[in-house]
N, C-alpha and C. Protein backbone atom coordinates (compact mmCIF):
# COMPACT_ATOMS: atom_id res chain seq x y z
N UNK A 1 109.69 104.60 55.64
CA UNK A 1 110.42 104.35 56.90
C UNK A 1 111.17 102.96 56.77
N UNK A 2 112.49 103.02 57.15
CA UNK A 2 113.25 101.73 57.08
C UNK A 2 112.65 100.78 58.09
N UNK A 3 112.70 99.44 57.66
CA UNK A 3 112.17 98.43 58.58
C UNK A 3 113.28 97.69 59.25
N UNK A 4 113.14 97.57 60.56
CA UNK A 4 114.15 96.88 61.42
C UNK A 4 113.79 95.44 61.58
N UNK A 5 114.58 94.45 61.16
CA UNK A 5 114.27 93.11 61.27
C UNK A 5 115.36 92.36 62.09
N UNK A 6 114.94 91.68 63.09
CA UNK A 6 115.87 90.82 63.88
C UNK A 6 115.21 89.53 64.31
N UNK A 7 115.99 88.48 64.60
CA UNK A 7 115.42 87.31 65.02
C UNK A 7 114.79 87.47 66.39
N UNK A 8 114.04 86.57 66.87
CA UNK A 8 113.50 86.67 68.20
C UNK A 8 114.66 86.58 69.18
N UNK A 9 115.58 85.60 68.87
CA UNK A 9 116.70 85.57 69.80
C UNK A 9 117.48 86.92 70.08
N UNK A 10 117.67 87.72 68.86
CA UNK A 10 118.31 88.97 68.96
C UNK A 10 117.38 89.93 69.75
N UNK A 11 116.11 89.90 69.48
CA UNK A 11 115.19 90.77 70.24
C UNK A 11 115.34 90.45 71.66
N UNK A 12 115.13 89.27 71.97
CA UNK A 12 115.21 88.79 73.48
C UNK A 12 116.55 89.33 74.10
N UNK A 13 117.68 89.15 73.54
CA UNK A 13 118.90 89.61 74.04
C UNK A 13 118.96 91.01 74.13
N UNK A 14 118.43 91.78 73.09
CA UNK A 14 118.50 93.29 73.02
C UNK A 14 117.67 93.91 74.08
N UNK A 15 116.39 93.38 74.30
CA UNK A 15 115.31 94.11 75.10
C UNK A 15 115.40 93.74 76.59
N UNK A 16 115.79 92.49 76.82
CA UNK A 16 115.61 92.03 78.31
C UNK A 16 114.17 91.56 78.45
N UNK A 17 113.92 90.85 79.61
CA UNK A 17 112.59 90.21 79.73
C UNK A 17 111.42 91.16 79.72
N UNK A 18 111.34 92.19 80.43
CA UNK A 18 110.11 93.06 80.58
C UNK A 18 109.83 93.66 79.12
N UNK A 19 110.84 94.36 78.61
CA UNK A 19 110.59 94.95 77.31
C UNK A 19 110.26 93.93 76.21
N UNK A 20 110.86 92.85 76.27
CA UNK A 20 110.59 91.81 75.17
C UNK A 20 109.17 91.31 75.49
N UNK A 21 108.69 91.14 76.70
CA UNK A 21 107.28 90.75 76.88
C UNK A 21 106.31 91.80 76.29
N UNK A 22 106.60 92.99 76.57
CA UNK A 22 105.63 94.04 75.96
C UNK A 22 105.82 94.25 74.47
N UNK A 23 107.07 94.55 74.05
CA UNK A 23 107.26 94.89 72.62
C UNK A 23 107.05 93.61 71.65
N UNK A 24 107.51 92.44 72.04
CA UNK A 24 107.43 91.32 71.14
C UNK A 24 106.16 90.40 71.47
N UNK A 25 105.82 90.31 72.68
CA UNK A 25 104.71 89.40 73.00
C UNK A 25 103.44 90.06 73.29
N UNK A 26 103.36 91.39 73.05
CA UNK A 26 102.06 92.22 73.13
C UNK A 26 101.64 92.30 74.56
N UNK A 27 102.54 92.41 75.52
CA UNK A 27 102.10 92.44 76.97
C UNK A 27 101.70 93.96 77.26
N UNK A 28 101.56 94.07 78.61
CA UNK A 28 101.26 95.41 79.06
C UNK A 28 101.75 95.59 80.52
N UNK A 29 101.99 96.87 80.88
CA UNK A 29 102.41 97.13 82.18
C UNK A 29 101.09 97.38 83.21
N UNK A 30 101.41 97.16 84.45
CA UNK A 30 100.26 97.46 85.30
C UNK A 30 99.99 98.94 85.39
N UNK A 31 98.78 99.47 85.40
CA UNK A 31 98.56 100.84 85.36
C UNK A 31 99.23 101.54 86.52
N UNK A 32 99.66 102.81 86.21
CA UNK A 32 100.38 103.65 87.19
C UNK A 32 101.72 103.11 87.54
N UNK A 33 102.33 102.15 86.93
CA UNK A 33 103.58 101.63 87.25
C UNK A 33 104.67 101.90 86.38
N UNK A 34 104.37 102.46 85.17
CA UNK A 34 105.45 102.81 84.23
C UNK A 34 106.35 104.04 84.51
N UNK A 35 107.57 104.02 84.08
CA UNK A 35 108.49 105.02 84.31
C UNK A 35 107.99 106.46 83.82
N UNK A 36 107.27 106.44 82.69
CA UNK A 36 106.94 107.78 81.96
C UNK A 36 105.47 108.21 82.20
N UNK A 37 104.73 107.48 83.05
CA UNK A 37 103.33 107.91 83.33
C UNK A 37 103.17 109.38 83.77
N UNK A 38 104.16 109.87 84.64
CA UNK A 38 103.89 111.09 85.24
C UNK A 38 105.14 112.10 84.79
N UNK A 39 105.84 111.74 83.76
CA UNK A 39 106.94 112.49 83.28
C UNK A 39 106.50 113.45 82.16
N UNK A 40 106.82 114.69 82.14
CA UNK A 40 106.37 115.69 81.20
C UNK A 40 107.54 116.61 80.81
N UNK A 41 108.76 116.04 80.75
CA UNK A 41 109.99 116.65 80.23
C UNK A 41 109.96 116.85 78.82
N UNK A 42 110.49 117.97 78.23
CA UNK A 42 110.64 118.11 76.81
C UNK A 42 111.49 117.09 76.18
N UNK A 43 111.07 116.64 74.92
CA UNK A 43 111.94 115.89 74.17
C UNK A 43 111.08 114.94 73.23
N UNK A 44 111.72 113.80 72.81
CA UNK A 44 111.11 112.88 71.86
C UNK A 44 111.17 111.51 72.49
N UNK A 45 109.96 110.89 72.50
CA UNK A 45 109.88 109.46 73.00
C UNK A 45 110.15 108.63 71.77
N UNK A 46 111.16 107.73 71.93
CA UNK A 46 111.61 106.81 70.94
C UNK A 46 111.20 105.34 71.31
N UNK A 47 111.15 104.57 70.27
CA UNK A 47 110.94 103.09 70.44
C UNK A 47 112.02 102.46 71.21
N UNK A 48 111.79 101.73 72.23
CA UNK A 48 112.86 101.10 73.04
C UNK A 48 113.37 99.96 72.21
N UNK A 49 112.78 99.41 71.30
CA UNK A 49 113.30 98.42 70.39
C UNK A 49 114.29 98.83 69.40
N UNK A 50 113.95 99.93 68.66
CA UNK A 50 114.71 100.23 67.43
C UNK A 50 115.19 101.69 67.38
N UNK A 51 114.66 102.43 68.33
CA UNK A 51 115.09 103.91 68.42
C UNK A 51 114.33 104.85 67.62
N UNK A 52 113.34 104.47 66.84
CA UNK A 52 112.56 105.36 66.00
C UNK A 52 111.76 106.36 66.77
N UNK A 53 111.76 107.53 66.23
CA UNK A 53 110.92 108.54 66.96
C UNK A 53 109.42 108.30 66.82
N UNK A 54 108.87 108.24 67.89
CA UNK A 54 107.40 107.80 67.97
C UNK A 54 106.44 108.98 68.35
N UNK A 55 106.76 109.75 69.47
CA UNK A 55 105.90 110.77 70.00
C UNK A 55 106.78 111.96 70.46
N UNK A 56 106.19 113.20 70.28
CA UNK A 56 106.89 114.32 70.67
C UNK A 56 106.29 114.58 72.08
N UNK A 57 107.22 115.12 72.99
CA UNK A 57 106.66 115.40 74.44
C UNK A 57 105.60 116.37 74.36
N UNK A 58 105.50 117.24 73.36
CA UNK A 58 104.47 118.32 73.28
C UNK A 58 103.10 117.61 73.24
N UNK A 59 103.01 116.27 72.62
CA UNK A 59 101.65 115.69 72.44
C UNK A 59 101.31 114.90 73.73
N UNK A 60 102.02 114.76 74.66
CA UNK A 60 101.84 114.11 75.89
C UNK A 60 100.98 114.85 76.88
N UNK A 61 99.99 114.08 77.36
CA UNK A 61 99.14 114.83 78.39
C UNK A 61 98.70 113.80 79.49
N UNK A 62 98.14 114.36 80.61
CA UNK A 62 97.76 113.40 81.66
C UNK A 62 96.32 113.01 81.48
N UNK A 63 96.10 111.85 81.01
CA UNK A 63 94.80 111.37 80.71
C UNK A 63 94.16 110.71 82.06
N UNK A 64 95.04 110.49 82.97
CA UNK A 64 94.57 109.75 84.15
C UNK A 64 94.43 108.19 83.95
N UNK A 65 94.80 107.63 82.81
CA UNK A 65 94.59 106.25 82.52
C UNK A 65 95.56 105.28 83.10
N UNK A 66 96.65 105.79 83.65
CA UNK A 66 97.74 105.08 84.16
C UNK A 66 98.80 104.66 83.39
N UNK A 67 98.80 105.11 82.09
CA UNK A 67 99.94 104.87 81.11
C UNK A 67 100.24 106.15 80.46
N UNK A 68 101.45 106.46 79.99
CA UNK A 68 101.64 107.66 79.08
C UNK A 68 100.72 107.72 78.07
N UNK A 69 100.13 108.90 77.91
CA UNK A 69 99.13 109.19 76.87
C UNK A 69 99.48 110.34 75.93
N UNK A 70 99.30 110.19 74.67
CA UNK A 70 99.77 111.07 73.63
C UNK A 70 98.45 111.38 72.82
N UNK A 71 98.41 112.59 72.15
CA UNK A 71 97.28 112.95 71.35
C UNK A 71 97.60 112.71 69.90
N UNK A 72 98.91 112.48 69.59
CA UNK A 72 99.19 112.17 68.14
C UNK A 72 100.67 111.69 68.11
N UNK A 73 100.94 110.90 67.09
CA UNK A 73 102.35 110.38 66.92
C UNK A 73 103.26 111.53 66.36
N UNK A 74 104.55 111.30 66.39
CA UNK A 74 105.63 112.38 66.03
C UNK A 74 105.47 112.64 64.56
N UNK A 75 104.96 111.67 63.78
CA UNK A 75 104.63 111.84 62.30
C UNK A 75 103.66 110.87 61.88
N UNK A 76 102.95 111.11 60.78
CA UNK A 76 101.99 110.22 60.33
C UNK A 76 102.48 108.73 60.08
N UNK A 77 103.74 108.60 59.75
CA UNK A 77 104.29 107.24 59.47
C UNK A 77 105.07 106.64 60.63
N UNK A 78 105.08 107.22 61.83
CA UNK A 78 105.79 106.74 62.96
C UNK A 78 105.24 105.51 63.57
N UNK A 79 103.85 105.37 63.58
CA UNK A 79 103.21 104.10 64.01
C UNK A 79 102.27 103.52 63.05
N UNK A 80 102.04 102.25 63.29
CA UNK A 80 101.10 101.53 62.50
C UNK A 80 99.82 101.17 63.56
N UNK A 81 98.80 100.77 62.93
CA UNK A 81 97.61 100.56 63.70
C UNK A 81 97.08 99.10 63.16
N UNK A 82 96.68 98.28 64.03
CA UNK A 82 95.95 97.07 63.70
C UNK A 82 94.80 96.77 64.64
N UNK A 83 93.88 96.05 64.10
CA UNK A 83 92.71 95.55 65.11
C UNK A 83 93.15 94.50 66.07
N UNK A 84 92.91 94.70 67.35
CA UNK A 84 93.28 93.70 68.36
C UNK A 84 91.98 93.12 68.97
N UNK A 85 91.85 91.88 68.75
CA UNK A 85 90.55 91.21 69.34
C UNK A 85 90.81 90.28 70.51
N UNK A 86 92.06 90.47 71.15
CA UNK A 86 92.39 89.75 72.28
C UNK A 86 91.60 90.05 73.57
N UNK A 87 91.54 89.16 74.42
CA UNK A 87 90.85 89.42 75.74
C UNK A 87 89.23 89.73 75.54
N UNK A 88 88.78 89.28 74.51
CA UNK A 88 87.22 89.45 74.33
C UNK A 88 86.86 90.83 74.01
N UNK A 89 87.86 91.72 73.59
CA UNK A 89 87.66 93.09 73.29
C UNK A 89 88.01 93.39 71.80
N UNK A 90 87.49 94.52 71.42
CA UNK A 90 87.88 94.97 69.99
C UNK A 90 88.58 96.42 70.18
N UNK A 91 89.82 96.37 70.05
CA UNK A 91 90.56 97.55 70.29
C UNK A 91 91.51 97.91 69.03
N UNK A 92 92.14 99.01 68.97
CA UNK A 92 93.13 99.28 67.96
C UNK A 92 94.49 99.34 68.63
N UNK A 93 95.31 98.42 68.27
CA UNK A 93 96.64 98.27 68.63
C UNK A 93 97.59 99.33 68.02
N UNK A 94 98.54 99.73 68.61
CA UNK A 94 99.54 100.73 68.08
C UNK A 94 100.83 100.03 68.15
N UNK A 95 101.44 99.97 66.86
CA UNK A 95 102.77 99.43 66.69
C UNK A 95 103.76 100.28 66.30
N UNK A 96 105.11 100.09 66.54
CA UNK A 96 106.10 100.92 65.91
C UNK A 96 106.21 100.42 64.39
N UNK A 97 106.09 101.51 63.58
CA UNK A 97 106.12 101.27 62.19
C UNK A 97 107.41 100.78 61.66
N UNK A 98 108.56 101.00 62.37
CA UNK A 98 109.76 100.66 61.94
C UNK A 98 110.15 99.17 62.34
N UNK A 99 109.86 98.72 63.63
CA UNK A 99 110.21 97.34 63.94
C UNK A 99 109.05 96.50 64.27
N UNK A 100 107.80 97.01 64.25
CA UNK A 100 106.68 96.30 64.55
C UNK A 100 106.38 95.92 66.09
N UNK A 101 107.12 96.58 66.83
CA UNK A 101 106.97 96.43 68.40
C UNK A 101 105.58 96.83 68.80
N UNK A 102 104.93 96.15 69.72
CA UNK A 102 103.67 96.45 70.32
C UNK A 102 103.98 97.66 71.29
N UNK A 103 103.14 98.77 71.11
CA UNK A 103 103.40 99.96 71.96
C UNK A 103 102.24 100.11 72.93
N UNK A 104 100.98 99.82 72.55
CA UNK A 104 99.81 99.96 73.39
C UNK A 104 98.51 99.96 72.47
N UNK A 105 97.69 100.83 72.75
CA UNK A 105 96.44 101.02 72.04
C UNK A 105 96.00 102.39 71.90
N UNK A 106 95.26 102.75 70.89
CA UNK A 106 94.74 104.00 70.65
C UNK A 106 93.11 104.06 70.92
N UNK A 107 92.68 105.12 71.45
CA UNK A 107 91.29 105.18 71.74
C UNK A 107 90.65 106.55 71.30
N UNK A 108 89.40 106.54 70.95
CA UNK A 108 88.78 107.75 70.44
C UNK A 108 88.31 108.77 71.42
N UNK A 109 88.99 108.89 72.57
CA UNK A 109 88.49 109.77 73.70
C UNK A 109 89.50 110.75 74.12
N UNK A 110 90.46 111.11 73.13
CA UNK A 110 91.52 112.02 73.52
C UNK A 110 91.05 113.55 73.26
N UNK A 111 92.09 114.41 73.58
CA UNK A 111 91.79 115.84 73.51
C UNK A 111 91.69 116.39 72.00
N UNK A 112 91.18 117.53 71.79
CA UNK A 112 91.16 118.19 70.46
C UNK A 112 92.71 118.53 70.18
N UNK A 113 93.06 118.67 68.89
CA UNK A 113 92.17 118.58 67.85
C UNK A 113 92.01 117.17 67.22
N UNK A 114 92.95 116.16 67.80
CA UNK A 114 92.82 114.77 67.12
C UNK A 114 91.76 113.90 67.74
N UNK A 115 91.32 114.18 68.99
CA UNK A 115 90.34 113.37 69.57
C UNK A 115 90.89 111.98 69.94
N UNK A 116 92.12 111.77 69.80
CA UNK A 116 92.68 110.29 70.02
C UNK A 116 93.59 110.35 71.21
N UNK A 117 93.59 109.26 71.94
CA UNK A 117 94.44 108.93 73.09
C UNK A 117 95.23 107.73 72.88
N UNK A 118 96.50 107.96 72.52
CA UNK A 118 97.49 106.88 72.36
C UNK A 118 97.98 106.47 73.80
N UNK A 119 97.47 105.38 74.26
CA UNK A 119 97.87 104.92 75.54
C UNK A 119 99.13 103.79 75.39
N UNK A 120 100.12 104.17 75.91
CA UNK A 120 101.48 103.53 75.51
C UNK A 120 102.12 102.99 76.78
N UNK A 121 102.69 101.87 76.55
CA UNK A 121 103.49 101.29 77.74
C UNK A 121 104.79 102.07 77.86
N UNK A 122 105.15 102.37 79.11
CA UNK A 122 106.45 103.11 79.42
C UNK A 122 107.59 102.23 78.81
N UNK A 123 107.56 100.92 79.09
CA UNK A 123 108.61 100.02 78.74
C UNK A 123 108.94 99.95 77.24
N UNK A 124 108.00 100.42 76.45
CA UNK A 124 108.08 100.45 74.93
C UNK A 124 108.83 101.65 74.56
N UNK A 125 109.06 102.59 75.46
CA UNK A 125 109.57 103.91 75.12
C UNK A 125 110.92 104.23 75.77
N UNK A 126 111.66 105.10 75.15
CA UNK A 126 112.85 105.79 75.78
C UNK A 126 112.77 107.25 75.42
N UNK A 127 112.77 108.11 76.51
CA UNK A 127 112.67 109.58 76.39
C UNK A 127 114.07 110.06 76.12
N UNK A 128 114.19 110.71 74.87
CA UNK A 128 115.38 111.49 74.56
C UNK A 128 115.13 112.94 74.82
N UNK A 129 115.59 113.44 76.02
CA UNK A 129 115.24 114.74 76.54
C UNK A 129 115.96 115.86 75.69
N UNK A 130 115.19 117.00 75.56
CA UNK A 130 115.68 118.00 74.58
C UNK A 130 116.67 118.83 75.42
């Protein structure tokens, strides 16, 4: 996958304050506040930072967690995962594999067949409707 590299000034200008805070500073939205929490339209969820395809709408489900939840990424190389030990917790952070933007976290309590719940900030996504 091609890597997208920009200066922090370029990211700040391109993303605006809220998306910059989430994608570049590893922030999060308040639960149930994001634009895509209750959206189930067909299409592809793309990275709001670089446009890379991250999740297919078919993988989205209502987990009740307050953020858009997906059972799997669009492809095995769409996202990267890292250990996150912030806030006194140990979690698995999900990043855009193309630009390194923070998307959210993945948990082992999702539906079959993956058993994974990718809990993603709406501000990190843009839905390209089918």
